């Protein structure tokens, strides 16, 4: 271990074994440091077990483990294995919309034959229609003022 790694290990404190009981009742064990944040445990669970970070709730006995806390805030004895129950919850984040590939940015798109595909990219509003709508909006705003 280099000096920097030794210093980081010293700052994070002693090592503790954590046994996670996953939502499907399987167990997953990992070693952490007493100074690691609960967030670090969640990131490790996402990486190793595929449970998205924002769909996790971790419980030590009946106590919810809040993200900004360190392991040492919740568990005092690093000699004993810490048993953490993982519950999967619905994410509060909206689900991402389906991304549709833009044909203009596709590597097979050939700019030489753009004219034959131009109607695929035309907007439902032509430029003149948009200009007319803008003028009407400006006119309506002037009459209100």
N, C-alpha and C. Protein backbone atom coordinates (compact mmCIF):
# COMPACT_ATOMS: atom_id res chain seq x y z
N UNK A 1 0.84 -1.18 0.00
CA UNK A 1 0.00 0.00 0.00
C UNK A 1 0.88 1.25 0.00
N UNK A 2 0.60 2.21 -0.87
CA UNK A 2 1.39 3.43 -0.88
C UNK A 2 0.96 4.33 0.28
N UNK A 3 1.70 5.42 0.47
CA UNK A 3 1.43 6.33 1.59
C UNK A 3 0.03 6.92 1.55
N UNK A 4 -0.39 7.30 0.35
CA UNK A 4 -1.72 7.91 0.21
C UNK A 4 -2.83 6.92 0.58
N UNK A 5 -2.72 5.68 0.10
CA UNK A 5 -3.71 4.65 0.41
C UNK A 5 -3.73 4.36 1.90
N UNK A 6 -2.56 4.34 2.53
CA UNK A 6 -2.49 4.12 3.97
C UNK A 6 -3.18 5.25 4.73
N UNK A 7 -2.96 6.48 4.28
CA UNK A 7 -3.57 7.64 4.93
C UNK A 7 -5.09 7.60 4.78
N UNK A 8 -5.58 7.26 3.58
CA UNK A 8 -7.02 7.15 3.35
C UNK A 8 -7.63 6.06 4.22
N UNK A 9 -6.97 4.93 4.31
CA UNK A 9 -7.47 3.82 5.13
C UNK A 9 -7.52 4.24 6.60
N UNK A 10 -6.51 4.96 7.04
CA UNK A 10 -6.46 5.44 8.43
C UNK A 10 -7.62 6.40 8.70
N UNK A 11 -7.89 7.30 7.76
CA UNK A 11 -8.97 8.29 7.93
C UNK A 11 -10.34 7.61 7.93
N UNK A 12 -10.52 6.57 7.11
CA UNK A 12 -11.80 5.89 7.03
C UNK A 12 -12.03 4.92 8.20
N UNK A 13 -10.99 4.61 8.92
CA UNK A 13 -11.15 3.77 10.10
C UNK A 13 -11.04 2.29 9.79
N UNK A 14 -11.40 1.51 10.78
CA UNK A 14 -11.23 0.06 10.67
C UNK A 14 -12.21 -0.56 9.68
N UNK A 15 -11.86 -1.74 9.25
CA UNK A 15 -12.66 -2.47 8.27
C UNK A 15 -13.81 -3.18 8.98
N UNK A 16 -14.96 -3.24 8.30
CA UNK A 16 -16.12 -3.93 8.83
C UNK A 16 -16.73 -4.76 7.71
N UNK A 17 -17.17 -5.96 8.06
CA UNK A 17 -17.83 -6.82 7.09
C UNK A 17 -19.33 -6.53 7.14
N UNK A 18 -19.92 -6.34 5.96
CA UNK A 18 -21.35 -6.07 5.87
C UNK A 18 -22.00 -7.20 5.09
N UNK A 19 -23.03 -7.79 5.70
CA UNK A 19 -23.81 -8.84 5.03
C UNK A 19 -25.14 -8.22 4.64
N UNK A 20 -25.38 -8.13 3.35
CA UNK A 20 -26.63 -7.58 2.84
C UNK A 20 -27.61 -8.73 2.63
N UNK A 21 -28.84 -8.55 3.08
CA UNK A 21 -29.91 -9.48 2.75
C UNK A 21 -30.73 -8.79 1.68
N UNK A 22 -30.61 -9.29 0.46
CA UNK A 22 -31.22 -8.64 -0.70
C UNK A 22 -32.73 -8.90 -0.73
N UNK A 23 -33.46 -8.14 -1.55
CA UNK A 23 -34.92 -8.30 -1.62
C UNK A 23 -35.38 -9.73 -1.91
N UNK A 24 -34.58 -10.50 -2.65
CA UNK A 24 -34.96 -11.89 -2.96
C UNK A 24 -34.46 -12.86 -1.89
N UNK A 25 -34.00 -12.31 -0.74
CA UNK A 25 -33.51 -13.07 0.42
C UNK A 25 -32.13 -13.71 0.22
N UNK A 26 -31.47 -13.46 -0.90
CA UNK A 26 -30.09 -13.93 -1.05
C UNK A 26 -29.18 -13.01 -0.25
N UNK A 27 -27.99 -13.50 0.05
CA UNK A 27 -27.03 -12.72 0.83
C UNK A 27 -25.86 -12.30 -0.04
N UNK A 28 -25.35 -11.13 0.27
CA UNK A 28 -24.19 -10.58 -0.44
C UNK A 28 -23.30 -9.95 0.63
N UNK A 29 -22.03 -10.34 0.65
CA UNK A 29 -21.10 -9.80 1.65
C UNK A 29 -20.06 -8.93 0.97
N UNK A 30 -19.69 -7.88 1.69
CA UNK A 30 -18.67 -6.94 1.19
C UNK A 30 -17.98 -6.30 2.38
N UNK A 31 -16.73 -5.95 2.22
CA UNK A 31 -16.00 -5.24 3.28
C UNK A 31 -16.01 -3.75 2.98
N UNK A 32 -16.21 -2.98 4.03
CA UNK A 32 -16.20 -1.52 3.95
C UNK A 32 -15.36 -0.99 5.10
N UNK A 33 -15.25 0.31 5.17
CA UNK A 33 -14.57 0.97 6.29
C UNK A 33 -15.61 1.69 7.13
N UNK A 34 -15.35 1.82 8.41
CA UNK A 34 -16.29 2.44 9.32
C UNK A 34 -16.62 3.88 8.91
N UNK A 35 -15.71 4.54 8.21
CA UNK A 35 -15.93 5.92 7.77
C UNK A 35 -16.65 6.05 6.44
N UNK A 36 -16.97 4.93 5.79
CA UNK A 36 -17.71 4.99 4.53
C UNK A 36 -19.13 5.48 4.78
N UNK A 37 -19.63 6.25 3.82
CA UNK A 37 -21.01 6.74 3.89
C UNK A 37 -21.98 5.64 3.46
N UNK A 38 -23.21 5.75 3.91
CA UNK A 38 -24.27 4.82 3.48
C UNK A 38 -24.38 4.89 1.95
N UNK A 39 -24.17 6.07 1.38
CA UNK A 39 -24.20 6.23 -0.07
C UNK A 39 -23.23 5.28 -0.75
N UNK A 40 -22.08 5.08 -0.14
CA UNK A 40 -21.05 4.19 -0.70
C UNK A 40 -21.57 2.75 -0.75
N UNK A 41 -22.29 2.35 0.29
CA UNK A 41 -22.87 1.00 0.31
C UNK A 41 -23.87 0.85 -0.83
N UNK A 42 -24.70 1.89 -1.04
CA UNK A 42 -25.72 1.84 -2.10
C UNK A 42 -25.09 1.77 -3.49
N UNK A 43 -24.03 2.54 -3.68
CA UNK A 43 -23.34 2.51 -4.97
C UNK A 43 -22.76 1.12 -5.21
N UNK A 44 -22.19 0.52 -4.17
CA UNK A 44 -21.63 -0.83 -4.30
C UNK A 44 -22.71 -1.85 -4.63
N UNK A 45 -23.88 -1.71 -4.00
CA UNK A 45 -25.00 -2.61 -4.30
C UNK A 45 -25.47 -2.45 -5.74
N UNK A 46 -25.51 -1.21 -6.22
CA UNK A 46 -25.92 -0.98 -7.61
C UNK A 46 -24.92 -1.63 -8.56
N UNK A 47 -23.63 -1.45 -8.26
CA UNK A 47 -22.58 -2.00 -9.13
C UNK A 47 -22.58 -3.53 -9.12
N UNK A 48 -22.65 -4.11 -7.94
CA UNK A 48 -22.48 -5.56 -7.82
C UNK A 48 -23.78 -6.35 -7.97
N UNK A 49 -24.90 -5.76 -7.59
CA UNK A 49 -26.17 -6.51 -7.57
C UNK A 49 -27.20 -5.98 -8.56
N UNK A 50 -26.93 -4.83 -9.16
CA UNK A 50 -27.83 -4.29 -10.17
C UNK A 50 -29.08 -3.61 -9.64
N UNK A 51 -29.13 -3.32 -8.34
CA UNK A 51 -30.29 -2.63 -7.78
C UNK A 51 -30.02 -1.13 -7.88
N UNK A 52 -30.82 -0.39 -8.67
CA UNK A 52 -30.55 1.03 -8.84
C UNK A 52 -30.50 1.78 -7.51
N UNK A 53 -29.57 2.69 -7.41
CA UNK A 53 -29.32 3.46 -6.18
C UNK A 53 -30.60 4.06 -5.62
N UNK A 54 -31.40 4.69 -6.49
CA UNK A 54 -32.60 5.39 -6.00
C UNK A 54 -33.77 4.46 -5.73
N UNK A 55 -33.57 3.15 -5.87
CA UNK A 55 -34.61 2.18 -5.55
C UNK A 55 -34.24 1.35 -4.32
N UNK A 56 -33.25 1.83 -3.57
CA UNK A 56 -32.78 1.10 -2.40
C UNK A 56 -33.15 1.80 -1.10
N UNK A 57 -33.57 1.02 -0.13
CA UNK A 57 -33.65 1.46 1.25
C UNK A 57 -32.89 0.43 2.05
N UNK A 58 -31.94 0.90 2.89
CA UNK A 58 -31.14 -0.01 3.69
C UNK A 58 -31.56 0.12 5.15
N UNK A 59 -31.69 -1.03 5.81
CA UNK A 59 -32.12 -1.04 7.21
C UNK A 59 -31.12 -1.82 8.05
N UNK A 60 -30.74 -1.23 9.15
CA UNK A 60 -29.94 -1.89 10.17
C UNK A 60 -30.89 -2.17 11.31
N UNK A 61 -31.21 -3.43 11.52
CA UNK A 61 -32.31 -3.84 12.40
C UNK A 61 -33.57 -3.18 11.85
N UNK A 62 -34.20 -2.29 12.57
CA UNK A 62 -35.40 -1.61 12.08
C UNK A 62 -35.13 -0.15 11.69
N UNK A 63 -33.87 0.26 11.76
CA UNK A 63 -33.50 1.65 11.51
C UNK A 63 -33.12 1.88 10.05
N UNK A 64 -33.79 2.85 9.42
CA UNK A 64 -33.45 3.23 8.05
C UNK A 64 -32.09 3.91 8.07
N UNK A 65 -31.21 3.47 7.20
CA UNK A 65 -29.87 4.04 7.10
C UNK A 65 -29.90 5.21 6.13
N UNK A 66 -29.82 6.42 6.65
CA UNK A 66 -29.88 7.63 5.83
C UNK A 66 -28.57 7.84 5.08
N UNK A 67 -28.66 8.30 3.85
CA UNK A 67 -27.50 8.45 2.97
C UNK A 67 -26.34 9.26 3.56
N UNK A 68 -26.58 10.39 4.21
CA UNK A 68 -25.40 11.19 4.62
C UNK A 68 -24.66 10.62 5.83
N UNK A 69 -25.17 9.56 6.44
CA UNK A 69 -24.50 9.01 7.63
C UNK A 69 -23.36 8.08 7.24
N UNK A 70 -22.41 7.96 8.19
CA UNK A 70 -21.31 7.02 8.02
C UNK A 70 -21.68 5.73 8.74
N UNK A 71 -21.01 4.66 8.35
CA UNK A 71 -21.25 3.39 9.03
C UNK A 71 -21.02 3.56 10.53
N UNK A 72 -19.97 4.28 10.91
CA UNK A 72 -19.66 4.43 12.34
C UNK A 72 -20.75 5.17 13.11
N UNK A 73 -21.59 5.94 12.40
CA UNK A 73 -22.71 6.60 13.06
C UNK A 73 -23.79 5.60 13.47
N UNK A 74 -23.81 4.47 12.80
CA UNK A 74 -24.87 3.48 13.00
C UNK A 74 -24.40 2.19 13.67
N UNK A 75 -23.13 1.89 13.51
CA UNK A 75 -22.58 0.60 13.96
C UNK A 75 -21.28 0.86 14.69
N UNK A 76 -21.21 0.50 15.93
CA UNK A 76 -20.04 0.84 16.74
C UNK A 76 -18.95 -0.22 16.77
N UNK A 77 -19.30 -1.48 16.58
CA UNK A 77 -18.33 -2.55 16.75
C UNK A 77 -17.93 -3.15 15.41
N UNK A 78 -16.76 -2.78 14.94
CA UNK A 78 -16.30 -3.28 13.64
C UNK A 78 -15.91 -4.75 13.69
N UNK A 79 -15.81 -5.33 14.89
CA UNK A 79 -15.46 -6.75 15.02
C UNK A 79 -16.62 -7.66 14.64
N UNK A 80 -17.84 -7.18 14.79
CA UNK A 80 -19.02 -7.97 14.46
C UNK A 80 -19.50 -7.65 13.04
N UNK A 81 -20.01 -8.67 12.39
CA UNK A 81 -20.56 -8.45 11.05
C UNK A 81 -21.85 -7.64 11.15
N UNK A 82 -21.97 -6.67 10.29
CA UNK A 82 -23.14 -5.80 10.25
C UNK A 82 -24.13 -6.42 9.26
N UNK A 83 -25.37 -6.64 9.69
CA UNK A 83 -26.38 -7.24 8.81
C UNK A 83 -27.35 -6.16 8.37
N UNK A 84 -27.42 -5.95 7.05
CA UNK A 84 -28.22 -4.87 6.47
C UNK A 84 -29.28 -5.47 5.56
N UNK A 85 -30.51 -5.14 5.83
CA UNK A 85 -31.65 -5.59 5.01
C UNK A 85 -31.86 -4.57 3.89
N UNK A 86 -31.93 -5.04 2.66
CA UNK A 86 -32.13 -4.16 1.49
C UNK A 86 -33.58 -4.30 1.03
N UNK A 87 -34.28 -3.18 1.00
CA UNK A 87 -35.64 -3.16 0.45
C UNK A 87 -35.61 -2.37 -0.84
N UNK A 88 -36.35 -2.87 -1.82
CA UNK A 88 -36.43 -2.18 -3.11
C UNK A 88 -37.73 -1.38 -3.13
N UNK A 89 -37.60 -0.09 -3.46
CA UNK A 89 -38.75 0.81 -3.50
C UNK A 89 -38.92 1.34 -4.91
N UNK A 90 -40.07 1.97 -5.16
CA UNK A 90 -40.29 2.63 -6.45
C UNK A 90 -39.44 3.89 -6.50
N UNK A 91 -38.81 4.12 -7.61
CA UNK A 91 -38.00 5.31 -7.79
C UNK A 91 -38.88 6.54 -7.86
N UNK A 92 -38.42 7.62 -7.27
CA UNK A 92 -39.15 8.89 -7.35
C UNK A 92 -38.81 9.65 -8.63
N UNK A 93 -37.76 9.20 -9.32
CA UNK A 93 -37.37 9.84 -10.58
C UNK A 93 -38.30 9.38 -11.69
N UNK A 94 -38.65 10.28 -12.59
CA UNK A 94 -39.45 9.85 -13.74
C UNK A 94 -38.64 8.92 -14.62
N UNK A 95 -39.32 7.95 -15.21
CA UNK A 95 -38.64 7.03 -16.12
C UNK A 95 -38.20 7.79 -17.37
N UNK A 96 -37.02 7.48 -17.87
CA UNK A 96 -36.56 8.18 -19.07
C UNK A 96 -37.44 7.87 -20.26
N UNK A 97 -37.62 8.87 -21.09
CA UNK A 97 -38.41 8.65 -22.31
C UNK A 97 -37.57 7.86 -23.29
N UNK A 98 -38.24 7.11 -24.11
CA UNK A 98 -37.55 6.31 -25.11
C UNK A 98 -36.84 7.25 -26.09
N UNK A 99 -35.60 6.97 -26.33
CA UNK A 99 -34.80 7.79 -27.23
C UNK A 99 -34.91 7.22 -28.63
N UNK A 100 -35.24 8.08 -29.56
CA UNK A 100 -35.34 7.67 -30.96
C UNK A 100 -34.10 8.19 -31.67
N UNK A 101 -33.47 7.31 -32.40
CA UNK A 101 -32.25 7.69 -33.09
C UNK A 101 -32.55 8.70 -34.19
N UNK A 102 -31.77 9.74 -34.22
CA UNK A 102 -31.94 10.76 -35.25
C UNK A 102 -31.20 10.28 -36.51
N UNK A 103 -31.92 10.20 -37.62
CA UNK A 103 -31.32 9.68 -38.84
C UNK A 103 -30.22 10.59 -39.36
N UNK A 104 -30.30 11.87 -39.08
CA UNK A 104 -29.26 12.79 -39.58
C UNK A 104 -27.92 12.53 -38.91
N UNK A 105 -27.92 12.00 -37.69
CA UNK A 105 -26.67 11.76 -36.98
C UNK A 105 -26.20 10.32 -37.11
N UNK A 106 -26.98 9.51 -37.80
CA UNK A 106 -26.62 8.11 -37.96
C UNK A 106 -25.38 8.00 -38.84
N UNK A 107 -24.43 7.13 -38.49
CA UNK A 107 -23.20 7.03 -39.29
C UNK A 107 -23.44 6.64 -40.74
N UNK A 108 -24.54 5.95 -41.03
CA UNK A 108 -24.80 5.55 -42.40
C UNK A 108 -25.48 6.65 -43.21
N UNK A 109 -25.82 7.74 -42.54
CA UNK A 109 -26.50 8.83 -43.25
C UNK A 109 -25.54 9.46 -44.25
N UNK A 110 -26.01 9.62 -45.45
CA UNK A 110 -25.18 10.17 -46.51
C UNK A 110 -25.74 11.54 -46.90
N UNK A 111 -24.96 12.58 -46.70
CA UNK A 111 -25.44 13.93 -46.98
C UNK A 111 -25.62 14.18 -48.47
N UNK A 112 -25.02 13.33 -49.30
CA UNK A 112 -25.15 13.52 -50.74
C UNK A 112 -26.59 13.27 -51.21
N UNK A 113 -27.32 12.36 -50.56
CA UNK A 113 -28.68 12.06 -51.00
C UNK A 113 -29.72 12.64 -50.05
N UNK A 114 -29.38 13.74 -49.41
CA UNK A 114 -30.30 14.39 -48.46
C UNK A 114 -31.61 14.78 -49.13
N UNK A 115 -31.56 15.28 -50.36
CA UNK A 115 -32.76 15.77 -51.03
C UNK A 115 -33.82 14.68 -51.19
N UNK A 116 -33.41 13.44 -51.40
CA UNK A 116 -34.41 12.39 -51.56
C UNK A 116 -35.08 12.03 -50.25
N UNK A 117 -34.50 12.41 -49.10
CA UNK A 117 -35.08 12.11 -47.80
C UNK A 117 -35.59 13.36 -47.09
N UNK A 118 -35.55 14.48 -47.75
CA UNK A 118 -35.87 15.75 -47.10
C UNK A 118 -37.24 15.74 -46.45
N UNK A 119 -38.24 15.14 -47.09
CA UNK A 119 -39.58 15.15 -46.52
C UNK A 119 -39.65 14.40 -45.19
N UNK A 120 -38.72 13.45 -44.94
CA UNK A 120 -38.69 12.75 -43.66
C UNK A 120 -38.40 13.71 -42.51
N UNK A 121 -37.69 14.81 -42.79
CA UNK A 121 -37.23 15.70 -41.74
C UNK A 121 -38.03 16.99 -41.66
N UNK A 122 -38.94 17.19 -42.60
CA UNK A 122 -39.70 18.43 -42.58
C UNK A 122 -40.60 18.48 -41.36
N UNK A 123 -40.67 19.65 -40.78
CA UNK A 123 -41.53 19.86 -39.63
C UNK A 123 -42.97 19.98 -40.12
N UNK A 124 -43.92 19.75 -39.21
CA UNK A 124 -45.32 19.89 -39.60
C UNK A 124 -45.66 21.35 -39.85
N UNK A 125 -44.86 22.27 -39.33
CA UNK A 125 -45.07 23.70 -39.55
C UNK A 125 -43.98 24.23 -40.47
N UNK A 126 -44.38 24.84 -41.56
CA UNK A 126 -43.40 25.44 -42.44
C UNK A 126 -42.93 26.76 -41.82
N UNK A 127 -41.85 27.29 -42.34
CA UNK A 127 -41.31 28.54 -41.82
C UNK A 127 -42.32 29.67 -41.94
N UNK A 128 -43.04 29.73 -43.06
CA UNK A 128 -44.02 30.81 -43.24
C UNK A 128 -45.16 30.68 -42.22
N UNK A 129 -45.57 29.46 -41.90
CA UNK A 129 -46.62 29.27 -40.90
C UNK A 129 -46.14 29.74 -39.52
N UNK A 130 -44.88 29.42 -39.19
CA UNK A 130 -44.32 29.85 -37.91
C UNK A 130 -44.21 31.38 -37.84
N UNK A 131 -43.77 32.00 -38.93
CA UNK A 131 -43.66 33.46 -38.96
C UNK A 131 -45.03 34.10 -38.79
N UNK A 132 -46.05 33.53 -39.42
CA UNK A 132 -47.41 34.07 -39.30
C UNK A 132 -47.91 33.93 -37.86
N UNK A 133 -47.64 32.81 -37.23
CA UNK A 133 -48.07 32.62 -35.83
C UNK A 133 -47.35 33.59 -34.91
N UNK A 134 -46.06 33.81 -35.16
CA UNK A 134 -45.28 34.75 -34.35
C UNK A 134 -45.83 36.16 -34.50
N UNK A 135 -46.13 36.57 -35.74
CA UNK A 135 -46.69 37.90 -35.98
C UNK A 135 -48.03 38.06 -35.28
N UNK A 136 -48.87 37.04 -35.33
CA UNK A 136 -50.18 37.09 -34.67
C UNK A 136 -50.03 37.21 -33.16
N UNK A 137 -49.07 36.49 -32.60
CA UNK A 137 -48.82 36.56 -31.16
C UNK A 137 -48.34 37.94 -30.75
N UNK A 138 -47.42 38.49 -31.54
CA UNK A 138 -46.92 39.84 -31.26
C UNK A 138 -48.03 40.88 -31.36
N UNK A 139 -48.90 40.75 -32.35
CA UNK A 139 -50.02 41.67 -32.54
C UNK A 139 -50.97 41.58 -31.35
N UNK A 140 -51.28 40.38 -30.92
CA UNK A 140 -52.18 40.20 -29.79
C UNK A 140 -51.58 40.79 -28.51
N UNK A 141 -50.28 40.67 -28.34
CA UNK A 141 -49.62 41.22 -27.16
C UNK A 141 -49.66 42.74 -27.18
N UNK A 142 -49.48 43.35 -28.35
CA UNK A 142 -49.53 44.82 -28.48
C UNK A 142 -50.92 45.35 -28.15
N UNK A 143 -51.96 44.64 -28.60
CA UNK A 143 -53.33 45.11 -28.32
C UNK A 143 -53.67 44.98 -26.84
N UNK A 144 -53.08 44.01 -26.14
CA UNK A 144 -53.31 43.86 -24.70
C UNK A 144 -52.63 44.97 -23.93
N UNK A 145 -51.46 45.39 -24.40
CA UNK A 145 -50.70 46.45 -23.70
C UNK A 145 -51.36 47.77 -23.95
